């Protein structure tokens, strides 16, 4: 089964750390991503720029209203996501529980088809519902 893990929290947390402490925290996060990528658990991921770079569109009476900034409070800002493979929710939870940065991790099953060939560069892909062929 494929899941999307959304990672978030206060985007200023890393920036408020002292230089060597910030470098250590960044190295720990990089190691977390690399280890899980090599193990084949994370299929793809992306880290997002700071929330202040966001543009949000809300629809009011069917009309778009544009806002500079994120759609959530800064303390709940999404910093990135990963698409992972896990045989059941318990495996996805275990992976999320190993996240070293605090904040929050939201776990959701992927509902739409996801083409692994585009991510991995190989010929495999997924069927509707997120199960491997």
N, C-alpha and C. Protein backbone atom coordinates (compact mmCIF):
# COMPACT_ATOMS: atom_id res chain seq x y z
N UNK A 1 0.85 -1.17 0.00
CA UNK A 1 0.00 0.00 0.00
C UNK A 1 0.90 1.23 0.00
N UNK A 2 0.43 2.26 -0.64
CA UNK A 2 1.18 3.51 -0.67
C UNK A 2 0.53 4.53 0.26
N UNK A 3 1.37 5.27 0.97
CA UNK A 3 0.92 6.30 1.89
C UNK A 3 1.66 7.59 1.60
N UNK A 4 1.00 8.71 1.91
CA UNK A 4 1.66 10.01 1.86
C UNK A 4 1.87 10.43 3.31
N UNK A 5 3.10 10.74 3.64
CA UNK A 5 3.43 11.29 4.95
C UNK A 5 3.68 12.78 4.74
N UNK A 6 2.93 13.60 5.44
CA UNK A 6 3.09 15.05 5.37
C UNK A 6 3.77 15.49 6.66
N UNK A 7 4.87 16.19 6.53
CA UNK A 7 5.67 16.61 7.68
C UNK A 7 5.49 18.10 7.91
N UNK A 8 5.32 18.48 9.16
CA UNK A 8 5.14 19.89 9.42
C UNK A 8 5.42 20.27 10.85
N UNK A 9 5.23 21.54 11.10
CA UNK A 9 5.48 22.10 12.42
C UNK A 9 5.86 23.55 12.26
N UNK A 10 6.50 24.09 13.24
CA UNK A 10 6.93 25.48 13.20
C UNK A 10 8.13 25.61 12.28
N UNK A 11 7.99 26.35 11.17
CA UNK A 11 9.08 26.45 10.20
C UNK A 11 10.30 27.20 10.73
N UNK A 12 10.16 27.91 11.83
CA UNK A 12 11.28 28.67 12.37
C UNK A 12 12.14 27.88 13.34
N UNK A 13 11.69 26.68 13.70
CA UNK A 13 12.41 25.89 14.70
C UNK A 13 13.87 25.70 14.31
N UNK A 14 14.14 25.25 13.10
CA UNK A 14 15.51 25.00 12.66
C UNK A 14 16.33 26.28 12.62
N UNK A 15 15.70 27.36 12.18
CA UNK A 15 16.42 28.63 12.06
C UNK A 15 16.79 29.24 13.40
N UNK A 16 16.08 28.88 14.46
CA UNK A 16 16.37 29.45 15.78
C UNK A 16 17.50 28.73 16.49
N UNK A 17 17.94 27.59 15.95
CA UNK A 17 19.03 26.86 16.58
C UNK A 17 20.37 27.55 16.30
N UNK A 18 21.31 27.38 17.22
CA UNK A 18 22.67 27.90 17.02
C UNK A 18 23.31 27.17 15.85
N UNK A 19 24.32 27.76 15.23
CA UNK A 19 24.95 27.23 14.02
C UNK A 19 25.28 25.75 14.05
N UNK A 20 26.07 25.29 15.05
CA UNK A 20 26.46 23.88 15.09
C UNK A 20 25.28 22.98 15.40
N UNK A 21 24.36 23.45 16.23
CA UNK A 21 23.16 22.68 16.56
C UNK A 21 22.26 22.55 15.33
N UNK A 22 22.14 23.62 14.55
CA UNK A 22 21.35 23.60 13.32
C UNK A 22 21.98 22.64 12.31
N UNK A 23 23.30 22.68 12.17
CA UNK A 23 23.99 21.78 11.25
C UNK A 23 23.77 20.32 11.64
N UNK A 24 23.83 20.04 12.94
CA UNK A 24 23.61 18.67 13.42
C UNK A 24 22.19 18.22 13.13
N UNK A 25 21.21 19.10 13.36
CA UNK A 25 19.80 18.77 13.11
C UNK A 25 19.56 18.52 11.62
N UNK A 26 20.13 19.36 10.76
CA UNK A 26 19.99 19.17 9.31
C UNK A 26 20.62 17.86 8.87
N UNK A 27 21.80 17.54 9.42
CA UNK A 27 22.46 16.28 9.07
C UNK A 27 21.63 15.08 9.51
N UNK A 28 21.00 15.19 10.68
CA UNK A 28 20.15 14.11 11.18
C UNK A 28 18.95 13.90 10.26
N UNK A 29 18.34 14.99 9.82
CA UNK A 29 17.21 14.89 8.89
C UNK A 29 17.65 14.31 7.55
N UNK A 30 18.76 14.78 7.01
CA UNK A 30 19.27 14.24 5.75
C UNK A 30 19.54 12.75 5.86
N UNK A 31 20.12 12.32 6.97
CA UNK A 31 20.41 10.89 7.18
C UNK A 31 19.11 10.09 7.26
N UNK A 32 18.08 10.65 7.90
CA UNK A 32 16.79 9.97 8.01
C UNK A 32 16.23 9.71 6.61
N UNK A 33 16.22 10.75 5.77
CA UNK A 33 15.69 10.60 4.39
C UNK A 33 16.53 9.60 3.61
N UNK A 34 17.85 9.72 3.64
CA UNK A 34 18.73 8.86 2.85
C UNK A 34 18.59 7.39 3.25
N UNK A 35 18.55 7.12 4.54
CA UNK A 35 18.43 5.74 5.01
C UNK A 35 17.15 5.10 4.50
N UNK A 36 16.05 5.81 4.57
CA UNK A 36 14.77 5.25 4.15
C UNK A 36 14.65 5.16 2.62
N UNK A 37 15.28 6.07 1.92
CA UNK A 37 15.32 5.98 0.46
C UNK A 37 16.09 4.74 0.03
N UNK A 38 17.28 4.53 0.62
CA UNK A 38 18.10 3.35 0.28
C UNK A 38 17.37 2.05 0.61
N UNK A 39 16.58 2.05 1.68
CA UNK A 39 15.83 0.86 2.08
C UNK A 39 14.61 0.63 1.19
N UNK A 40 14.32 1.57 0.30
CA UNK A 40 13.18 1.41 -0.60
C UNK A 40 11.84 1.77 0.02
N UNK A 41 11.86 2.38 1.20
CA UNK A 41 10.61 2.72 1.88
C UNK A 41 10.02 4.02 1.36
N UNK A 42 10.88 4.99 1.05
CA UNK A 42 10.41 6.27 0.53
C UNK A 42 10.60 6.25 -0.99
N UNK A 43 9.51 6.41 -1.71
CA UNK A 43 9.57 6.36 -3.16
C UNK A 43 9.91 7.72 -3.76
N UNK A 44 9.39 8.76 -3.16
CA UNK A 44 9.71 10.12 -3.58
C UNK A 44 9.41 11.05 -2.43
N UNK A 45 10.05 12.20 -2.46
CA UNK A 45 9.79 13.19 -1.41
C UNK A 45 10.12 14.57 -1.95
N UNK A 46 9.60 15.54 -1.26
CA UNK A 46 9.91 16.93 -1.61
C UNK A 46 9.87 17.75 -0.34
N UNK A 47 10.78 18.68 -0.26
CA UNK A 47 10.79 19.64 0.85
C UNK A 47 10.30 20.96 0.27
N UNK A 48 9.45 21.61 1.01
CA UNK A 48 8.84 22.85 0.54
C UNK A 48 9.60 24.06 1.05
N UNK A 49 9.50 25.12 0.30
CA UNK A 49 10.10 26.39 0.75
C UNK A 49 9.27 26.93 1.92
N UNK A 50 9.75 27.96 2.55
CA UNK A 50 9.11 28.53 3.74
C UNK A 50 7.66 28.93 3.46
N UNK A 51 6.79 28.82 4.46
CA UNK A 51 5.39 29.17 4.28
C UNK A 51 5.15 30.58 3.77
N UNK A 52 6.02 31.52 4.11
CA UNK A 52 5.81 32.89 3.66
C UNK A 52 5.90 33.02 2.14
N UNK A 53 6.41 31.98 1.45
CA UNK A 53 6.49 32.01 -0.01
C UNK A 53 5.21 31.50 -0.67
N UNK A 54 4.27 31.02 0.14
CA UNK A 54 3.03 30.43 -0.39
C UNK A 54 2.05 31.49 -0.88
N UNK A 55 1.25 31.08 -1.82
CA UNK A 55 0.07 31.85 -2.24
C UNK A 55 -1.11 30.91 -2.05
N UNK A 56 -2.13 31.37 -1.38
CA UNK A 56 -3.31 30.56 -1.10
C UNK A 56 -4.51 31.15 -1.84
N UNK A 57 -5.31 30.26 -2.42
CA UNK A 57 -6.57 30.67 -3.05
C UNK A 57 -7.69 30.05 -2.25
N UNK A 58 -8.57 30.86 -1.76
CA UNK A 58 -9.80 30.38 -1.10
C UNK A 58 -10.96 30.78 -1.99
N UNK A 59 -11.96 29.93 -2.01
CA UNK A 59 -13.13 30.21 -2.84
C UNK A 59 -14.28 30.67 -1.97
N UNK A 60 -14.81 31.83 -2.28
CA UNK A 60 -15.92 32.40 -1.54
C UNK A 60 -17.05 32.64 -2.53
N UNK A 61 -18.16 31.95 -2.33
CA UNK A 61 -19.30 32.03 -3.25
C UNK A 61 -18.86 31.73 -4.69
N UNK A 62 -17.95 30.76 -4.81
CA UNK A 62 -17.49 30.35 -6.13
C UNK A 62 -16.44 31.24 -6.75
N UNK A 63 -16.08 32.31 -6.08
CA UNK A 63 -15.09 33.25 -6.61
C UNK A 63 -13.75 33.08 -5.88
N UNK A 64 -12.65 33.10 -6.61
CA UNK A 64 -11.35 32.95 -5.96
C UNK A 64 -10.92 34.23 -5.24
N UNK A 65 -10.37 34.04 -4.05
CA UNK A 65 -9.79 35.14 -3.30
C UNK A 65 -8.34 34.72 -3.01
N UNK A 66 -7.39 35.57 -3.40
CA UNK A 66 -5.98 35.25 -3.28
C UNK A 66 -5.38 35.85 -2.01
N UNK A 67 -4.51 35.07 -1.36
CA UNK A 67 -3.82 35.52 -0.15
C UNK A 67 -2.34 35.22 -0.30
N UNK A 68 -1.52 36.10 0.18
CA UNK A 68 -0.09 35.81 0.29
C UNK A 68 0.11 35.06 1.59
N UNK A 69 0.76 33.92 1.53
CA UNK A 69 1.02 33.13 2.72
C UNK A 69 0.29 31.80 2.70
N UNK A 70 0.56 30.98 3.72
CA UNK A 70 0.00 29.63 3.77
C UNK A 70 -1.47 29.63 4.17
N UNK A 71 -2.12 28.48 3.97
CA UNK A 71 -3.54 28.36 4.33
C UNK A 71 -3.71 27.94 5.79
N UNK A 72 -2.62 27.66 6.48
CA UNK A 72 -2.68 27.27 7.89
C UNK A 72 -1.86 28.24 8.72
N UNK A 73 -1.98 28.13 10.02
CA UNK A 73 -1.15 28.94 10.90
C UNK A 73 0.30 28.53 10.73
N UNK A 74 1.22 29.45 10.95
CA UNK A 74 2.65 29.16 10.80
C UNK A 74 3.07 27.94 11.63
N UNK A 75 2.51 27.78 12.83
CA UNK A 75 2.91 26.68 13.70
C UNK A 75 2.47 25.33 13.17
N UNK A 76 1.60 25.31 12.17
CA UNK A 76 1.14 24.06 11.57
C UNK A 76 1.52 23.99 10.10
N UNK A 77 2.56 24.69 9.70
CA UNK A 77 2.97 24.75 8.31
C UNK A 77 3.53 23.41 7.84
N UNK A 78 3.19 23.04 6.63
CA UNK A 78 3.71 21.82 6.01
C UNK A 78 5.09 22.13 5.44
N UNK A 79 6.06 21.31 5.80
CA UNK A 79 7.42 21.53 5.34
C UNK A 79 7.83 20.60 4.22
N UNK A 80 7.09 19.52 4.04
CA UNK A 80 7.43 18.58 2.98
C UNK A 80 6.55 17.34 3.06
N UNK A 81 6.81 16.41 2.13
CA UNK A 81 6.04 15.18 2.12
C UNK A 81 6.90 14.05 1.57
N UNK A 82 6.48 12.85 1.83
CA UNK A 82 7.11 11.67 1.26
C UNK A 82 6.03 10.68 0.89
N UNK A 83 6.22 10.00 -0.22
CA UNK A 83 5.33 8.90 -0.59
C UNK A 83 6.09 7.63 -0.26
N UNK A 84 5.48 6.82 0.59
CA UNK A 84 6.16 5.63 1.10
C UNK A 84 5.38 4.37 0.72
N UNK A 85 6.05 3.26 0.82
CA UNK A 85 5.40 1.97 0.65
C UNK A 85 5.43 1.24 1.99
N UNK A 86 4.30 0.68 2.37
CA UNK A 86 4.17 -0.07 3.62
C UNK A 86 3.08 -1.12 3.42
N UNK A 87 3.26 -2.29 3.99
CA UNK A 87 2.26 -3.34 3.79
C UNK A 87 0.97 -3.08 4.56
N UNK A 88 1.07 -2.27 5.62
CA UNK A 88 -0.12 -1.93 6.40
C UNK A 88 0.14 -0.63 7.16
N UNK A 89 -0.90 -0.09 7.73
CA UNK A 89 -0.79 1.19 8.45
C UNK A 89 0.24 1.13 9.57
N UNK A 90 0.34 -0.01 10.28
CA UNK A 90 1.31 -0.11 11.38
C UNK A 90 2.74 0.15 10.91
N UNK A 91 3.08 -0.30 9.71
CA UNK A 91 4.42 -0.04 9.16
C UNK A 91 4.61 1.44 8.85
N UNK A 92 3.57 2.06 8.31
CA UNK A 92 3.64 3.50 8.02
C UNK A 92 3.76 4.29 9.32
N UNK A 93 3.05 3.86 10.36
CA UNK A 93 3.14 4.52 11.66
C UNK A 93 4.55 4.39 12.25
N UNK A 94 5.14 3.21 12.13
CA UNK A 94 6.50 3.00 12.66
C UNK A 94 7.49 3.92 11.95
N UNK A 95 7.36 4.06 10.66
CA UNK A 95 8.25 4.95 9.92
C UNK A 95 8.05 6.39 10.37
N UNK A 96 6.79 6.81 10.51
CA UNK A 96 6.49 8.17 10.95
C UNK A 96 7.00 8.43 12.37
N UNK A 97 6.92 7.43 13.23
CA UNK A 97 7.38 7.59 14.61
C UNK A 97 8.89 7.77 14.71
N UNK A 98 9.62 7.37 13.67
CA UNK A 98 11.07 7.53 13.68
C UNK A 98 11.51 8.91 13.21
N UNK A 99 10.55 9.77 12.81
CA UNK A 99 10.86 11.12 12.33
C UNK A 99 11.57 11.90 13.43
N UNK A 100 12.78 12.40 13.18
CA UNK A 100 13.58 13.02 14.24
C UNK A 100 13.29 14.49 14.51
N UNK A 101 12.45 15.15 13.72
CA UNK A 101 12.34 16.60 13.82
C UNK A 101 11.19 17.10 14.69
N UNK A 102 10.40 16.25 15.26
CA UNK A 102 9.27 16.74 16.04
C UNK A 102 8.20 17.31 15.13
N UNK A 103 7.45 18.28 15.63
CA UNK A 103 6.37 18.85 14.83
C UNK A 103 5.24 17.84 14.69
N UNK A 104 4.82 17.57 13.45
CA UNK A 104 3.78 16.57 13.23
C UNK A 104 4.05 15.81 11.94
N UNK A 105 3.49 14.60 11.87
CA UNK A 105 3.50 13.79 10.65
C UNK A 105 2.07 13.30 10.45
N UNK A 106 1.49 13.66 9.31
CA UNK A 106 0.16 13.15 8.96
C UNK A 106 0.36 12.00 7.99
N UNK A 107 -0.36 10.91 8.19
CA UNK A 107 -0.25 9.71 7.35
C UNK A 107 -1.59 9.49 6.67
N UNK A 108 -1.56 9.40 5.34
CA UNK A 108 -2.80 9.11 4.60
C UNK A 108 -2.53 8.08 3.51
N UNK A 109 -3.45 7.13 3.35
CA UNK A 109 -3.32 6.21 2.22
C UNK A 109 -3.48 6.98 0.91
N UNK A 110 -2.73 6.59 -0.08
CA UNK A 110 -2.83 7.22 -1.39
C UNK A 110 -3.99 6.59 -2.13
N UNK A 111 -4.89 7.40 -2.66
CA UNK A 111 -6.09 6.90 -3.31
C UNK A 111 -5.97 6.84 -4.82
N UNK A 112 -5.28 7.79 -5.41
CA UNK A 112 -5.20 7.83 -6.87
C UNK A 112 -3.99 7.04 -7.36
N UNK A 113 -4.00 6.60 -8.60
CA UNK A 113 -2.84 5.85 -9.11
C UNK A 113 -1.58 6.70 -9.04
N UNK A 114 -0.51 6.04 -8.73
CA UNK A 114 0.78 6.70 -8.64
C UNK A 114 1.73 5.89 -9.49
N UNK A 115 2.38 6.51 -10.42
CA UNK A 115 3.21 5.78 -11.36
C UNK A 115 4.66 5.77 -10.89
N UNK A 116 5.07 4.62 -10.33
CA UNK A 116 6.41 4.48 -9.80
C UNK A 116 7.46 4.62 -10.88
N UNK A 117 7.13 4.27 -12.10
CA UNK A 117 8.10 4.37 -13.18
C UNK A 117 8.60 5.80 -13.33
N UNK A 118 7.73 6.76 -13.11
CA UNK A 118 8.12 8.16 -13.22
C UNK A 118 9.07 8.56 -12.10
N UNK A 119 8.91 7.95 -10.94
CA UNK A 119 9.73 8.29 -9.77
C UNK A 119 11.03 7.50 -9.77
N UNK A 120 10.93 6.21 -9.98
CA UNK A 120 12.09 5.33 -9.90
C UNK A 120 12.86 5.26 -11.20
N UNK A 121 12.23 5.63 -12.31
CA UNK A 121 12.89 5.52 -13.59
C UNK A 121 12.90 4.10 -14.12
N UNK A 122 11.98 3.26 -13.64
CA UNK A 122 11.90 1.90 -14.16
C UNK A 122 10.53 1.65 -14.73
N UNK A 123 10.24 0.44 -15.11
CA UNK A 123 9.00 0.12 -15.81
C UNK A 123 7.85 -0.22 -14.88
N UNK A 124 8.09 -0.31 -13.57
CA UNK A 124 7.01 -0.67 -12.65
C UNK A 124 6.11 0.52 -12.36
N UNK A 125 4.83 0.25 -12.15
CA UNK A 125 3.91 1.29 -11.71
C UNK A 125 2.88 0.67 -10.79
N UNK A 126 1.89 1.44 -10.38
CA UNK A 126 0.87 0.93 -9.46
C UNK A 126 -0.48 0.88 -10.12
N UNK A 127 -1.33 0.09 -9.52
CA UNK A 127 -2.71 -0.01 -9.97
C UNK A 127 -3.57 0.98 -9.21
N UNK A 128 -4.80 1.15 -9.64
CA UNK A 128 -5.76 1.99 -8.92
C UNK A 128 -5.84 1.51 -7.48
N UNK A 129 -5.83 2.41 -6.55
CA UNK A 129 -5.89 2.06 -5.14
C UNK A 129 -4.53 1.97 -4.48
N UNK A 130 -3.47 2.08 -5.26
CA UNK A 130 -2.15 2.14 -4.67
C UNK A 130 -1.46 0.81 -4.45
N UNK A 131 -1.98 -0.30 -4.96
CA UNK A 131 -1.32 -1.59 -4.77
C UNK A 131 -0.37 -1.86 -5.92
N UNK A 132 0.75 -2.51 -5.61
CA UNK A 132 1.74 -2.83 -6.64
C UNK A 132 1.20 -3.91 -7.58
N UNK A 133 1.61 -3.83 -8.83
CA UNK A 133 1.27 -4.89 -9.80
C UNK A 133 2.23 -6.02 -9.63
